[in-house]
Amino acid sequence: MEPNWLQWAKKLQEIAQNGVTYNRDPYRDSPFDVERFEQMRAIASEIMAHHSDADETYVANLFAQEIGHATPKMDVRAAVFREDKILLVKERSDGKWTLPGGWSDVNESAAEGAERETQEESGYRVKAIKLLALLDKSKHPHPPQPHHTYKAFYLCELLGGEPTSNVEVDESGFFAEESLPPLSTDRVLESQIGLCFKHHRNPTLPTDFD
């Protein structure tokens, strides 16, 4: 689903990051190779900036912060239902709605991340009870992004709590499938919310994956 230029730029960045990582091994002395991989990373930054609205310096700094072996990032999302309506939160950054969630943190499982993000963003306490889907973000029509990301969707049981807001989220609410508000498509797609409703209505379905 991603445009070719984005896939090429990500692949160049991956090769460059891994090249810099493994050619800085203390048992090897290859400054020439490191320099070439840094040049490759700069080319990847130029491609990304040229085909997007991002500043080239911003992209270059973003790529430079990535160290170690290049791997996909993990985005976790919670599907919380009440009376056949799904919980969504309104992002301050773009004024649109999404499933509660975000990046998974170190020292927590993906399920624990979905539970934590839900409480932080909405005020509701939940318990993850099923992995609904594990999707490759690049295979779905999200806006272009510099990182390769996996998206984990968890069906979560509502335990309690009260609606709240924080620095990232304005408000939260429960919505019927046919009455969804404008979505923050960088974070979630209507088709993905539809997938959550399908699993909610048929708990025997197996986990979806790409």
N, C-alpha and C. Protein backbone atom coordinates (compact mmCIF):
# COMPACT_ATOMS: atom_id res chain seq x y z
N MET A 1 0.83 -1.21 0.00
CA MET A 1 0.00 0.00 0.00
C MET A 1 0.86 1.26 0.00
N GLU A 2 2.09 1.17 0.49
CA GLU A 2 2.95 2.34 0.52
C GLU A 2 3.49 2.63 -0.87
N PRO A 3 3.74 3.91 -1.21
CA PRO A 3 4.37 4.23 -2.50
C PRO A 3 5.79 3.68 -2.56
N ASN A 4 6.26 3.42 -3.79
CA ASN A 4 7.58 2.82 -3.96
C ASN A 4 8.69 3.67 -3.34
N TRP A 5 8.58 5.01 -3.49
CA TRP A 5 9.65 5.87 -2.99
C TRP A 5 9.81 5.72 -1.48
N LEU A 6 8.68 5.52 -0.78
CA LEU A 6 8.76 5.38 0.68
C LEU A 6 9.40 4.05 1.05
N GLN A 7 9.04 2.98 0.35
CA GLN A 7 9.67 1.69 0.62
C GLN A 7 11.16 1.74 0.33
N TRP A 8 11.56 2.40 -0.75
CA TRP A 8 12.98 2.49 -1.09
C TRP A 8 13.75 3.27 -0.02
N ALA A 9 13.16 4.39 0.42
CA ALA A 9 13.84 5.21 1.43
C ALA A 9 13.98 4.44 2.74
N LYS A 10 12.95 3.73 3.14
CA LYS A 10 13.02 2.94 4.37
C LYS A 10 14.07 1.83 4.26
N LYS A 11 14.13 1.20 3.09
CA LYS A 11 15.10 0.12 2.92
C LYS A 11 16.52 0.66 2.94
N LEU A 12 16.76 1.80 2.29
CA LEU A 12 18.08 2.41 2.35
C LEU A 12 18.46 2.76 3.79
N GLN A 13 17.50 3.30 4.54
CA GLN A 13 17.77 3.64 5.94
C GLN A 13 18.09 2.39 6.73
N GLU A 14 17.37 1.30 6.49
CA GLU A 14 17.63 0.04 7.20
C GLU A 14 19.04 -0.47 6.90
N ILE A 15 19.40 -0.49 5.62
CA ILE A 15 20.74 -0.97 5.24
C ILE A 15 21.82 -0.08 5.87
N ALA A 16 21.59 1.25 5.81
CA ALA A 16 22.57 2.19 6.36
C ALA A 16 22.70 2.01 7.87
N GLN A 17 21.57 1.90 8.57
CA GLN A 17 21.62 1.76 10.03
C GLN A 17 22.33 0.47 10.43
N ASN A 18 21.99 -0.63 9.77
CA ASN A 18 22.65 -1.89 10.09
C ASN A 18 24.14 -1.86 9.71
N GLY A 19 24.44 -1.19 8.59
CA GLY A 19 25.83 -1.09 8.17
C GLY A 19 26.67 -0.31 9.17
N VAL A 20 26.14 0.83 9.64
CA VAL A 20 26.85 1.62 10.64
C VAL A 20 27.01 0.82 11.93
N THR A 21 25.95 0.12 12.32
CA THR A 21 25.98 -0.65 13.57
C THR A 21 27.07 -1.72 13.54
N TYR A 22 27.08 -2.53 12.51
CA TYR A 22 27.98 -3.67 12.50
C TYR A 22 29.40 -3.33 12.05
N ASN A 23 29.57 -2.20 11.37
CA ASN A 23 30.91 -1.79 10.99
C ASN A 23 31.59 -0.96 12.06
N ARG A 24 30.90 -0.69 13.15
CA ARG A 24 31.52 -0.04 14.31
C ARG A 24 31.88 -1.07 15.37
N ASP A 25 31.87 -2.32 14.98
CA ASP A 25 32.31 -3.39 15.87
C ASP A 25 33.75 -3.10 16.29
N PRO A 26 34.07 -3.17 17.60
CA PRO A 26 35.44 -2.84 18.06
C PRO A 26 36.51 -3.75 17.48
N TYR A 27 36.10 -4.92 16.98
CA TYR A 27 37.07 -5.85 16.42
C TYR A 27 37.30 -5.63 14.92
N ARG A 28 36.64 -4.60 14.36
CA ARG A 28 36.83 -4.29 12.97
C ARG A 28 37.26 -2.83 12.85
N ASP A 29 38.00 -2.55 11.83
CA ASP A 29 38.46 -1.18 11.61
C ASP A 29 38.08 -0.81 10.18
N SER A 30 36.88 -0.23 10.01
CA SER A 30 36.39 0.03 8.67
C SER A 30 35.72 1.40 8.58
N PRO A 31 36.45 2.47 8.89
CA PRO A 31 35.86 3.80 8.81
C PRO A 31 35.34 4.14 7.42
N PHE A 32 35.95 3.58 6.39
CA PHE A 32 35.51 3.83 5.02
C PHE A 32 34.08 3.33 4.82
N ASP A 33 33.82 2.10 5.30
CA ASP A 33 32.48 1.55 5.17
C ASP A 33 31.46 2.38 5.95
N VAL A 34 31.81 2.79 7.17
CA VAL A 34 30.90 3.60 7.97
C VAL A 34 30.56 4.90 7.24
N GLU A 35 31.55 5.51 6.65
CA GLU A 35 31.32 6.76 5.91
C GLU A 35 30.35 6.54 4.76
N ARG A 36 30.50 5.43 4.06
CA ARG A 36 29.61 5.15 2.93
C ARG A 36 28.18 4.89 3.41
N PHE A 37 28.04 4.20 4.52
CA PHE A 37 26.70 3.96 5.06
C PHE A 37 26.05 5.25 5.54
N GLU A 38 26.83 6.15 6.09
CA GLU A 38 26.30 7.46 6.49
C GLU A 38 25.82 8.23 5.26
N GLN A 39 26.55 8.11 4.16
CA GLN A 39 26.12 8.75 2.92
C GLN A 39 24.81 8.15 2.42
N MET A 40 24.68 6.84 2.56
CA MET A 40 23.44 6.18 2.15
C MET A 40 22.27 6.66 3.00
N ARG A 41 22.51 6.84 4.31
CA ARG A 41 21.46 7.35 5.19
C ARG A 41 21.05 8.75 4.77
N ALA A 42 22.01 9.57 4.36
CA ALA A 42 21.70 10.93 3.91
C ALA A 42 20.84 10.89 2.65
N ILE A 43 21.11 9.95 1.75
CA ILE A 43 20.30 9.82 0.54
C ILE A 43 18.86 9.43 0.90
N ALA A 44 18.72 8.50 1.85
CA ALA A 44 17.39 8.10 2.30
C ALA A 44 16.63 9.29 2.88
N SER A 45 17.33 10.14 3.63
CA SER A 45 16.70 11.34 4.20
C SER A 45 16.25 12.29 3.10
N GLU A 46 17.08 12.44 2.06
CA GLU A 46 16.73 13.34 0.96
C GLU A 46 15.49 12.83 0.22
N ILE A 47 15.43 11.53 -0.01
CA ILE A 47 14.26 10.95 -0.70
C ILE A 47 13.01 11.19 0.12
N MET A 48 13.08 10.92 1.43
CA MET A 48 11.92 11.07 2.30
C MET A 48 11.45 12.52 2.33
N ALA A 49 12.38 13.46 2.46
CA ALA A 49 12.02 14.87 2.54
C ALA A 49 11.47 15.37 1.21
N HIS A 50 12.06 14.92 0.10
CA HIS A 50 11.64 15.39 -1.22
C HIS A 50 10.20 15.01 -1.54
N HIS A 51 9.79 13.83 -1.10
CA HIS A 51 8.45 13.34 -1.43
C HIS A 51 7.43 13.61 -0.33
N SER A 52 7.80 14.36 0.68
CA SER A 52 6.87 14.67 1.76
C SER A 52 7.01 16.12 2.15
N ASP A 53 6.25 16.52 3.15
CA ASP A 53 6.30 17.90 3.63
C ASP A 53 7.35 18.08 4.72
N ALA A 54 8.09 17.02 5.02
CA ALA A 54 9.05 17.08 6.13
C ALA A 54 10.32 17.82 5.71
N ASP A 55 10.91 18.52 6.68
CA ASP A 55 12.18 19.20 6.46
C ASP A 55 13.30 18.16 6.41
N GLU A 56 14.25 18.33 5.48
CA GLU A 56 15.32 17.35 5.32
C GLU A 56 16.16 17.19 6.58
N THR A 57 16.43 18.30 7.27
CA THR A 57 17.21 18.22 8.50
C THR A 57 16.46 17.42 9.56
N TYR A 58 15.15 17.63 9.64
CA TYR A 58 14.33 16.88 10.60
C TYR A 58 14.41 15.39 10.32
N VAL A 59 14.26 15.00 9.04
CA VAL A 59 14.31 13.59 8.68
C VAL A 59 15.69 13.01 8.97
N ALA A 60 16.74 13.77 8.61
CA ALA A 60 18.11 13.29 8.86
C ALA A 60 18.35 13.05 10.34
N ASN A 61 17.88 13.96 11.19
CA ASN A 61 18.04 13.79 12.64
C ASN A 61 17.23 12.61 13.14
N LEU A 62 16.04 12.43 12.57
CA LEU A 62 15.18 11.31 12.95
C LEU A 62 15.87 9.98 12.65
N PHE A 63 16.45 9.86 11.46
CA PHE A 63 17.14 8.64 11.09
C PHE A 63 18.41 8.44 11.93
N ALA A 64 19.12 9.53 12.21
CA ALA A 64 20.37 9.44 12.96
C ALA A 64 20.14 8.94 14.39
N GLN A 65 18.95 9.16 14.92
CA GLN A 65 18.63 8.72 16.28
C GLN A 65 18.44 7.21 16.36
N GLU A 66 18.22 6.58 15.21
CA GLU A 66 18.00 5.13 15.19
C GLU A 66 19.35 4.43 15.25
N ILE A 67 19.56 3.65 16.30
CA ILE A 67 20.83 2.94 16.47
C ILE A 67 20.55 1.46 16.69
N GLY A 68 21.59 0.66 16.52
CA GLY A 68 21.42 -0.78 16.66
C GLY A 68 20.79 -1.37 15.42
N HIS A 69 20.49 -2.66 15.48
CA HIS A 69 19.88 -3.34 14.34
C HIS A 69 18.50 -2.77 14.07
N ALA A 70 18.22 -2.45 12.81
CA ALA A 70 16.94 -1.84 12.45
C ALA A 70 15.81 -2.86 12.54
N THR A 71 14.79 -2.54 13.32
CA THR A 71 13.61 -3.41 13.46
C THR A 71 12.35 -2.56 13.43
N PRO A 72 11.20 -3.15 13.09
CA PRO A 72 9.93 -2.39 13.12
C PRO A 72 9.57 -1.94 14.54
N LYS A 73 8.83 -0.85 14.61
CA LYS A 73 8.31 -0.37 15.88
C LYS A 73 6.96 -1.04 16.16
N MET A 74 6.54 -1.03 17.42
CA MET A 74 5.27 -1.66 17.82
C MET A 74 4.28 -0.61 18.31
N ASP A 75 3.16 -0.50 17.61
CA ASP A 75 2.07 0.39 18.00
C ASP A 75 0.93 -0.47 18.53
N VAL A 76 0.45 -0.19 19.74
CA VAL A 76 -0.61 -1.00 20.35
C VAL A 76 -1.90 -0.18 20.44
N ARG A 77 -3.02 -0.83 20.17
CA ARG A 77 -4.32 -0.18 20.20
C ARG A 77 -5.33 -1.04 20.95
N ALA A 78 -6.22 -0.38 21.69
CA ALA A 78 -7.23 -1.09 22.49
C ALA A 78 -8.61 -0.91 21.88
N ALA A 79 -9.32 -2.02 21.74
CA ALA A 79 -10.72 -2.00 21.30
C ALA A 79 -11.58 -2.27 22.53
N VAL A 80 -12.22 -1.21 23.04
CA VAL A 80 -13.02 -1.29 24.27
C VAL A 80 -14.47 -1.02 23.90
N PHE A 81 -15.35 -1.93 24.25
CA PHE A 81 -16.76 -1.81 23.85
C PHE A 81 -17.67 -1.62 25.06
N ARG A 82 -18.73 -0.85 24.82
CA ARG A 82 -19.82 -0.68 25.79
C ARG A 82 -21.10 -0.55 25.00
N GLU A 83 -22.01 -1.50 25.21
CA GLU A 83 -23.31 -1.50 24.50
C GLU A 83 -23.13 -1.40 22.99
N ASP A 84 -22.23 -2.22 22.46
CA ASP A 84 -21.95 -2.31 21.03
C ASP A 84 -21.42 -1.00 20.45
N LYS A 85 -20.81 -0.18 21.31
CA LYS A 85 -20.13 1.03 20.85
C LYS A 85 -18.67 0.94 21.26
N ILE A 86 -17.79 1.51 20.44
CA ILE A 86 -16.36 1.41 20.67
C ILE A 86 -15.79 2.71 21.22
N LEU A 87 -14.82 2.59 22.11
CA LEU A 87 -14.19 3.75 22.74
C LEU A 87 -13.18 4.39 21.78
N LEU A 88 -13.31 5.69 21.57
CA LEU A 88 -12.35 6.45 20.79
C LEU A 88 -11.90 7.67 21.58
N VAL A 89 -10.70 8.14 21.29
CA VAL A 89 -10.17 9.34 21.94
C VAL A 89 -9.83 10.37 20.86
N LYS A 90 -9.97 11.65 21.22
CA LYS A 90 -9.74 12.74 20.27
C LYS A 90 -8.34 13.31 20.48
N GLU A 91 -7.51 13.22 19.47
CA GLU A 91 -6.12 13.67 19.55
C GLU A 91 -6.04 15.20 19.48
N ARG A 92 -5.26 15.80 20.38
CA ARG A 92 -5.06 17.24 20.33
C ARG A 92 -4.26 17.65 19.09
N SER A 93 -3.36 16.77 18.64
CA SER A 93 -2.45 17.15 17.56
C SER A 93 -3.16 17.42 16.24
N ASP A 94 -4.23 16.69 15.94
CA ASP A 94 -4.94 16.91 14.67
C ASP A 94 -6.44 17.07 14.83
N GLY A 95 -6.95 16.99 16.07
CA GLY A 95 -8.38 17.18 16.31
C GLY A 95 -9.24 16.05 15.81
N LYS A 96 -8.64 14.88 15.55
CA LYS A 96 -9.40 13.74 15.05
C LYS A 96 -9.32 12.57 16.04
N TRP A 97 -10.06 11.52 15.73
CA TRP A 97 -10.29 10.46 16.71
C TRP A 97 -9.55 9.17 16.35
N THR A 98 -9.26 8.40 17.38
CA THR A 98 -8.56 7.14 17.19
C THR A 98 -8.86 6.19 18.33
N LEU A 99 -8.51 4.93 18.15
CA LEU A 99 -8.52 3.99 19.27
C LEU A 99 -7.44 4.41 20.25
N PRO A 100 -7.69 4.29 21.55
CA PRO A 100 -6.61 4.61 22.50
C PRO A 100 -5.43 3.69 22.28
N GLY A 101 -4.23 4.26 22.39
CA GLY A 101 -3.03 3.46 22.18
C GLY A 101 -1.84 4.32 21.83
N GLY A 102 -0.75 3.66 21.46
CA GLY A 102 0.48 4.36 21.11
C GLY A 102 1.63 3.37 21.09
N TRP A 103 2.86 3.92 21.21
CA TRP A 103 4.04 3.06 21.21
C TRP A 103 4.09 2.19 22.46
N SER A 104 4.47 0.93 22.29
CA SER A 104 4.70 0.06 23.42
C SER A 104 5.99 0.47 24.13
N ASP A 105 6.01 0.40 25.44
CA ASP A 105 7.17 0.82 26.22
C ASP A 105 8.03 -0.38 26.61
N VAL A 106 9.28 -0.08 26.94
CA VAL A 106 10.20 -1.09 27.46
C VAL A 106 9.69 -1.60 28.81
N ASN A 107 9.91 -2.86 29.09
CA ASN A 107 9.53 -3.51 30.34
C ASN A 107 8.03 -3.70 30.50
N GLU A 108 7.30 -3.72 29.38
CA GLU A 108 5.88 -4.07 29.44
C GLU A 108 5.55 -4.88 28.19
N SER A 109 4.59 -5.77 28.32
CA SER A 109 4.13 -6.52 27.16
C SER A 109 3.29 -5.61 26.28
N ALA A 110 3.04 -6.05 25.06
CA ALA A 110 2.19 -5.25 24.17
C ALA A 110 0.79 -5.08 24.76
N ALA A 111 0.26 -6.13 25.38
CA ALA A 111 -1.06 -6.06 26.00
C ALA A 111 -1.06 -5.06 27.15
N GLU A 112 -0.01 -5.09 27.97
CA GLU A 112 0.08 -4.13 29.07
C GLU A 112 0.17 -2.71 28.54
N GLY A 113 0.84 -2.53 27.41
CA GLY A 113 0.92 -1.20 26.80
C GLY A 113 -0.44 -0.69 26.38
N ALA A 114 -1.26 -1.57 25.80
CA ALA A 114 -2.61 -1.18 25.39
C ALA A 114 -3.46 -0.79 26.60
N GLU A 115 -3.31 -1.54 27.68
CA GLU A 115 -4.06 -1.22 28.91
C GLU A 115 -3.61 0.12 29.48
N ARG A 116 -2.30 0.33 29.56
CA ARG A 116 -1.78 1.58 30.11
C ARG A 116 -2.19 2.78 29.28
N GLU A 117 -2.02 2.68 27.97
CA GLU A 117 -2.37 3.79 27.10
C GLU A 117 -3.85 4.15 27.21
N THR A 118 -4.69 3.15 27.34
CA THR A 118 -6.13 3.41 27.46
C THR A 118 -6.45 4.20 28.71
N GLN A 119 -5.85 3.81 29.84
CA GLN A 119 -6.11 4.54 31.07
C GLN A 119 -5.54 5.95 31.02
N GLU A 120 -4.33 6.10 30.47
CA GLU A 120 -3.71 7.41 30.38
C GLU A 120 -4.51 8.35 29.49
N GLU A 121 -5.01 7.84 28.38
CA GLU A 121 -5.66 8.70 27.39
C GLU A 121 -7.14 8.91 27.64
N SER A 122 -7.82 7.92 28.21
CA SER A 122 -9.27 8.03 28.36
C SER A 122 -9.74 8.09 29.81
N GLY A 123 -8.94 7.59 30.74
CA GLY A 123 -9.37 7.51 32.13
C GLY A 123 -10.01 6.19 32.49
N TYR A 124 -10.25 5.32 31.51
CA TYR A 124 -10.89 4.04 31.76
C TYR A 124 -9.84 2.95 32.02
N ARG A 125 -10.12 2.13 33.03
CA ARG A 125 -9.28 0.97 33.32
C ARG A 125 -9.80 -0.23 32.52
N VAL A 126 -8.89 -0.93 31.85
CA VAL A 126 -9.30 -2.05 31.00
C VAL A 126 -8.35 -3.22 31.19
N LYS A 127 -8.79 -4.39 30.72
CA LYS A 127 -7.98 -5.60 30.74
C LYS A 127 -7.99 -6.21 29.35
N ALA A 128 -6.80 -6.38 28.76
CA ALA A 128 -6.70 -7.01 27.45
C ALA A 128 -7.05 -8.49 27.56
N ILE A 129 -7.96 -8.96 26.71
CA ILE A 129 -8.41 -10.36 26.80
C ILE A 129 -8.18 -11.15 25.51
N LYS A 130 -7.87 -10.45 24.41
CA LYS A 130 -7.64 -11.18 23.16
C LYS A 130 -6.88 -10.29 22.18
N LEU A 131 -5.90 -10.88 21.49
CA LEU A 131 -5.23 -10.20 20.39
C LEU A 131 -6.10 -10.37 19.15
N LEU A 132 -6.68 -9.26 18.69
CA LEU A 132 -7.59 -9.32 17.54
C LEU A 132 -6.83 -9.37 16.22
N ALA A 133 -5.78 -8.56 16.13
CA ALA A 133 -5.06 -8.47 14.86
C ALA A 133 -3.65 -7.97 15.08
N LEU A 134 -2.72 -8.46 14.29
CA LEU A 134 -1.35 -7.96 14.24
C LEU A 134 -1.09 -7.60 12.78
N LEU A 135 -1.03 -6.30 12.49
CA LEU A 135 -1.00 -5.82 11.12
C LEU A 135 0.30 -5.07 10.82
N ASP A 136 0.74 -5.18 9.59
CA ASP A 136 1.88 -4.41 9.09
C ASP A 136 1.33 -3.09 8.55
N LYS A 137 1.67 -2.00 9.20
CA LYS A 137 1.09 -0.70 8.85
C LYS A 137 1.33 -0.33 7.39
N SER A 138 2.47 -0.75 6.84
CA SER A 138 2.80 -0.39 5.47
C SER A 138 1.89 -1.06 4.45
N LYS A 139 1.15 -2.09 4.84
CA LYS A 139 0.26 -2.79 3.94
C LYS A 139 -1.16 -2.24 3.97
N HIS A 140 -1.35 -1.13 4.67
CA HIS A 140 -2.67 -0.52 4.80
C HIS A 140 -2.56 0.96 4.43
N PRO A 141 -3.67 1.58 3.97
CA PRO A 141 -3.59 2.95 3.41
C PRO A 141 -3.48 4.07 4.44
N HIS A 142 -2.51 3.96 5.35
CA HIS A 142 -2.19 5.06 6.24
C HIS A 142 -1.37 6.10 5.48
N PRO A 143 -1.33 7.35 5.95
CA PRO A 143 -0.42 8.34 5.35
C PRO A 143 1.02 7.86 5.47
N PRO A 144 1.92 8.29 4.56
CA PRO A 144 3.32 7.86 4.61
C PRO A 144 3.97 8.22 5.94
N GLN A 145 4.82 7.28 6.42
CA GLN A 145 5.55 7.48 7.67
C GLN A 145 6.99 7.01 7.52
N PRO A 146 7.92 7.58 8.26
CA PRO A 146 9.32 7.20 8.09
C PRO A 146 9.68 5.84 8.70
N HIS A 147 8.87 5.34 9.62
CA HIS A 147 9.22 4.11 10.32
C HIS A 147 8.36 2.95 9.84
N HIS A 148 8.95 1.77 9.84
CA HIS A 148 8.19 0.54 9.60
C HIS A 148 7.55 0.13 10.93
N THR A 149 6.24 -0.04 10.93
CA THR A 149 5.50 -0.23 12.18
C THR A 149 4.56 -1.42 12.11
N TYR A 150 4.52 -2.21 13.17
CA TYR A 150 3.50 -3.23 13.36
C TYR A 150 2.43 -2.65 14.29
N LYS A 151 1.17 -2.99 14.01
CA LYS A 151 0.05 -2.52 14.83
C LYS A 151 -0.64 -3.72 15.47
N ALA A 152 -0.70 -3.74 16.79
CA ALA A 152 -1.36 -4.80 17.54
C ALA A 152 -2.68 -4.26 18.11
N PHE A 153 -3.78 -4.93 17.78
CA PHE A 153 -5.10 -4.52 18.25
C PHE A 153 -5.60 -5.56 19.27
N TYR A 154 -5.93 -5.07 20.48
CA TYR A 154 -6.39 -5.94 21.56
C TYR A 154 -7.84 -5.64 21.91
N LEU A 155 -8.63 -6.70 22.03
CA LEU A 155 -9.95 -6.57 22.61
C LEU A 155 -9.77 -6.44 24.12
N CYS A 156 -10.33 -5.38 24.70
CA CYS A 156 -10.14 -5.10 26.12
C CYS A 156 -11.47 -5.03 26.86
N GLU A 157 -11.51 -5.63 28.02
CA GLU A 157 -12.69 -5.59 28.89
C GLU A 157 -12.66 -4.30 29.70
N LEU A 158 -13.79 -3.61 29.75
CA LEU A 158 -13.91 -2.38 30.51
C LEU A 158 -14.12 -2.71 31.99
N LEU A 159 -13.19 -2.23 32.84
CA LEU A 159 -13.25 -2.54 34.27
C LEU A 159 -13.83 -1.40 35.10
N GLY A 160 -13.60 -0.17 34.68
CA GLY A 160 -14.08 0.97 35.45
C GLY A 160 -13.36 2.24 35.05
N GLY A 161 -13.46 3.25 35.91
CA GLY A 161 -12.82 4.52 35.62
C GLY A 161 -13.80 5.57 35.15
N GLU A 162 -13.29 6.77 34.96
CA GLU A 162 -14.10 7.90 34.51
C GLU A 162 -13.39 8.58 33.35
N PRO A 163 -14.15 9.14 32.39
CA PRO A 163 -13.53 9.82 31.25
C PRO A 163 -12.69 11.01 31.71
N THR A 164 -11.55 11.18 31.07
CA THR A 164 -10.65 12.27 31.42
C THR A 164 -9.93 12.73 30.16
N SER A 165 -9.01 13.68 30.31
CA SER A 165 -8.20 14.15 29.19
C SER A 165 -6.76 14.31 29.69
N ASN A 166 -5.83 14.47 28.74
CA ASN A 166 -4.45 14.71 29.12
C ASN A 166 -3.79 15.58 28.08
N VAL A 167 -2.47 15.65 28.09
CA VAL A 167 -1.76 16.56 27.19
C VAL A 167 -1.89 16.12 25.74
N GLU A 168 -2.23 14.85 25.48
CA GLU A 168 -2.33 14.36 24.12
C GLU A 168 -3.76 14.24 23.63
N VAL A 169 -4.71 14.10 24.57
CA VAL A 169 -6.09 13.79 24.21
C VAL A 169 -7.04 14.82 24.79
N ASP A 170 -7.97 15.31 23.95
CA ASP A 170 -8.97 16.28 24.39
C ASP A 170 -10.13 15.64 25.14
N GLU A 171 -10.65 14.57 24.57
CA GLU A 171 -11.84 13.93 25.14
C GLU A 171 -11.94 12.49 24.64
N SER A 172 -12.89 11.75 25.19
CA SER A 172 -13.13 10.38 24.76
C SER A 172 -14.63 10.14 24.68
N GLY A 173 -15.01 9.10 23.96
CA GLY A 173 -16.42 8.78 23.83
C GLY A 173 -16.61 7.43 23.18
N PHE A 174 -17.83 6.90 23.29
CA PHE A 174 -18.16 5.61 22.69
C PHE A 174 -19.02 5.86 21.45
N PHE A 175 -18.69 5.17 20.36
CA PHE A 175 -19.33 5.44 19.07
C PHE A 175 -19.80 4.15 18.43
N ALA A 176 -20.97 4.22 17.78
CA ALA A 176 -21.49 3.10 17.00
C ALA A 176 -20.69 2.99 15.70
N GLU A 177 -20.67 1.80 15.13
CA GLU A 177 -19.87 1.58 13.92
C GLU A 177 -20.33 2.46 12.77
N GLU A 178 -21.63 2.73 12.70
CA GLU A 178 -22.17 3.53 11.60
C GLU A 178 -22.10 5.03 11.89
N SER A 179 -21.58 5.43 13.04
CA SER A 179 -21.55 6.85 13.41
C SER A 179 -20.16 7.25 13.90
N LEU A 180 -19.13 6.83 13.20
CA LEU A 180 -17.77 7.16 13.61
C LEU A 180 -17.45 8.63 13.30
N PRO A 181 -16.71 9.30 14.18
CA PRO A 181 -16.29 10.68 13.93
C PRO A 181 -15.11 10.68 12.95
N PRO A 182 -14.65 11.86 12.52
CA PRO A 182 -13.46 11.92 11.65
C PRO A 182 -12.26 11.25 12.31
N LEU A 183 -11.61 10.35 11.60
CA LEU A 183 -10.55 9.54 12.18
C LEU A 183 -9.16 10.11 11.88
N SER A 184 -8.27 9.93 12.85
CA SER A 184 -6.85 10.25 12.67
C SER A 184 -6.21 9.08 11.93
N THR A 185 -6.20 9.14 10.60
CA THR A 185 -5.81 7.98 9.79
C THR A 185 -4.34 7.63 9.92
N ASP A 186 -3.54 8.52 10.47
CA ASP A 186 -2.16 8.16 10.78
C ASP A 186 -2.12 7.08 11.86
N ARG A 187 -3.17 7.03 12.69
CA ARG A 187 -3.21 6.11 13.83
C ARG A 187 -4.15 4.93 13.61
N VAL A 188 -5.28 5.14 12.96
CA VAL A 188 -6.24 4.05 12.78
C VAL A 188 -7.09 4.33 11.54
N LEU A 189 -7.55 3.26 10.91
CA LEU A 189 -8.39 3.36 9.73
C LEU A 189 -9.79 2.84 10.04
N GLU A 190 -10.76 3.30 9.27
CA GLU A 190 -12.14 2.83 9.46
C GLU A 190 -12.21 1.31 9.29
N SER A 191 -11.46 0.77 8.34
CA SER A 191 -11.46 -0.68 8.12
C SER A 191 -10.94 -1.44 9.34
N GLN A 192 -9.98 -0.85 10.05
CA GLN A 192 -9.44 -1.50 11.24
C GLN A 192 -10.43 -1.46 12.40
N ILE A 193 -11.15 -0.36 12.51
CA ILE A 193 -12.21 -0.31 13.53
C ILE A 193 -13.31 -1.31 13.18
N GLY A 194 -13.62 -1.42 11.88
CA GLY A 194 -14.59 -2.43 11.45
C GLY A 194 -14.14 -3.83 11.81
N LEU A 195 -12.85 -4.10 11.70
CA LEU A 195 -12.31 -5.40 12.08
C LEU A 195 -12.51 -5.65 13.57
N CYS A 196 -12.33 -4.61 14.38
CA CYS A 196 -12.56 -4.75 15.82
C CYS A 196 -14.01 -5.07 16.12
N PHE A 197 -14.94 -4.40 15.44
CA PHE A 197 -16.37 -4.70 15.62
C PHE A 197 -16.67 -6.14 15.22
N LYS A 198 -16.07 -6.62 14.14
CA LYS A 198 -16.31 -7.99 13.68
C LYS A 198 -15.89 -8.99 14.74
N HIS A 199 -14.73 -8.77 15.35
CA HIS A 199 -14.26 -9.68 16.41
C HIS A 199 -15.11 -9.56 17.67
N HIS A 200 -15.55 -8.34 17.97
CA HIS A 200 -16.40 -8.13 19.15
C HIS A 200 -17.71 -8.91 19.01
N ARG A 201 -18.26 -8.94 17.81
CA ARG A 201 -19.54 -9.62 17.59
C ARG A 201 -19.39 -11.12 17.38
N ASN A 202 -18.18 -11.55 17.07
CA ASN A 202 -17.94 -12.98 16.90
C ASN A 202 -16.64 -13.35 17.60
N PRO A 203 -16.69 -13.59 18.91
CA PRO A 203 -15.48 -13.82 19.70
C PRO A 203 -14.69 -15.06 19.30
N THR A 204 -15.29 -15.96 18.49
CA THR A 204 -14.59 -17.19 18.12
C THR A 204 -13.64 -16.99 16.94
N LEU A 205 -13.63 -15.81 16.33
CA LEU A 205 -12.77 -15.57 15.18
C LEU A 205 -11.30 -15.67 15.59
N PRO A 206 -10.46 -16.23 14.74
CA PRO A 206 -9.02 -16.26 15.05
C PRO A 206 -8.39 -14.89 14.84
N THR A 207 -7.20 -14.70 15.36
CA THR A 207 -6.48 -13.45 15.19
C THR A 207 -6.18 -13.18 13.73
N ASP A 208 -6.43 -11.95 13.28
CA ASP A 208 -6.08 -11.54 11.92
C ASP A 208 -4.62 -11.11 11.87
N PHE A 209 -3.96 -11.35 10.75
CA PHE A 209 -2.58 -10.87 10.58
C PHE A 209 -2.28 -10.75 9.10
N ASP A 210 -1.28 -9.94 8.79
CA ASP A 210 -0.83 -9.76 7.40
C ASP A 210 0.19 -10.84 7.05
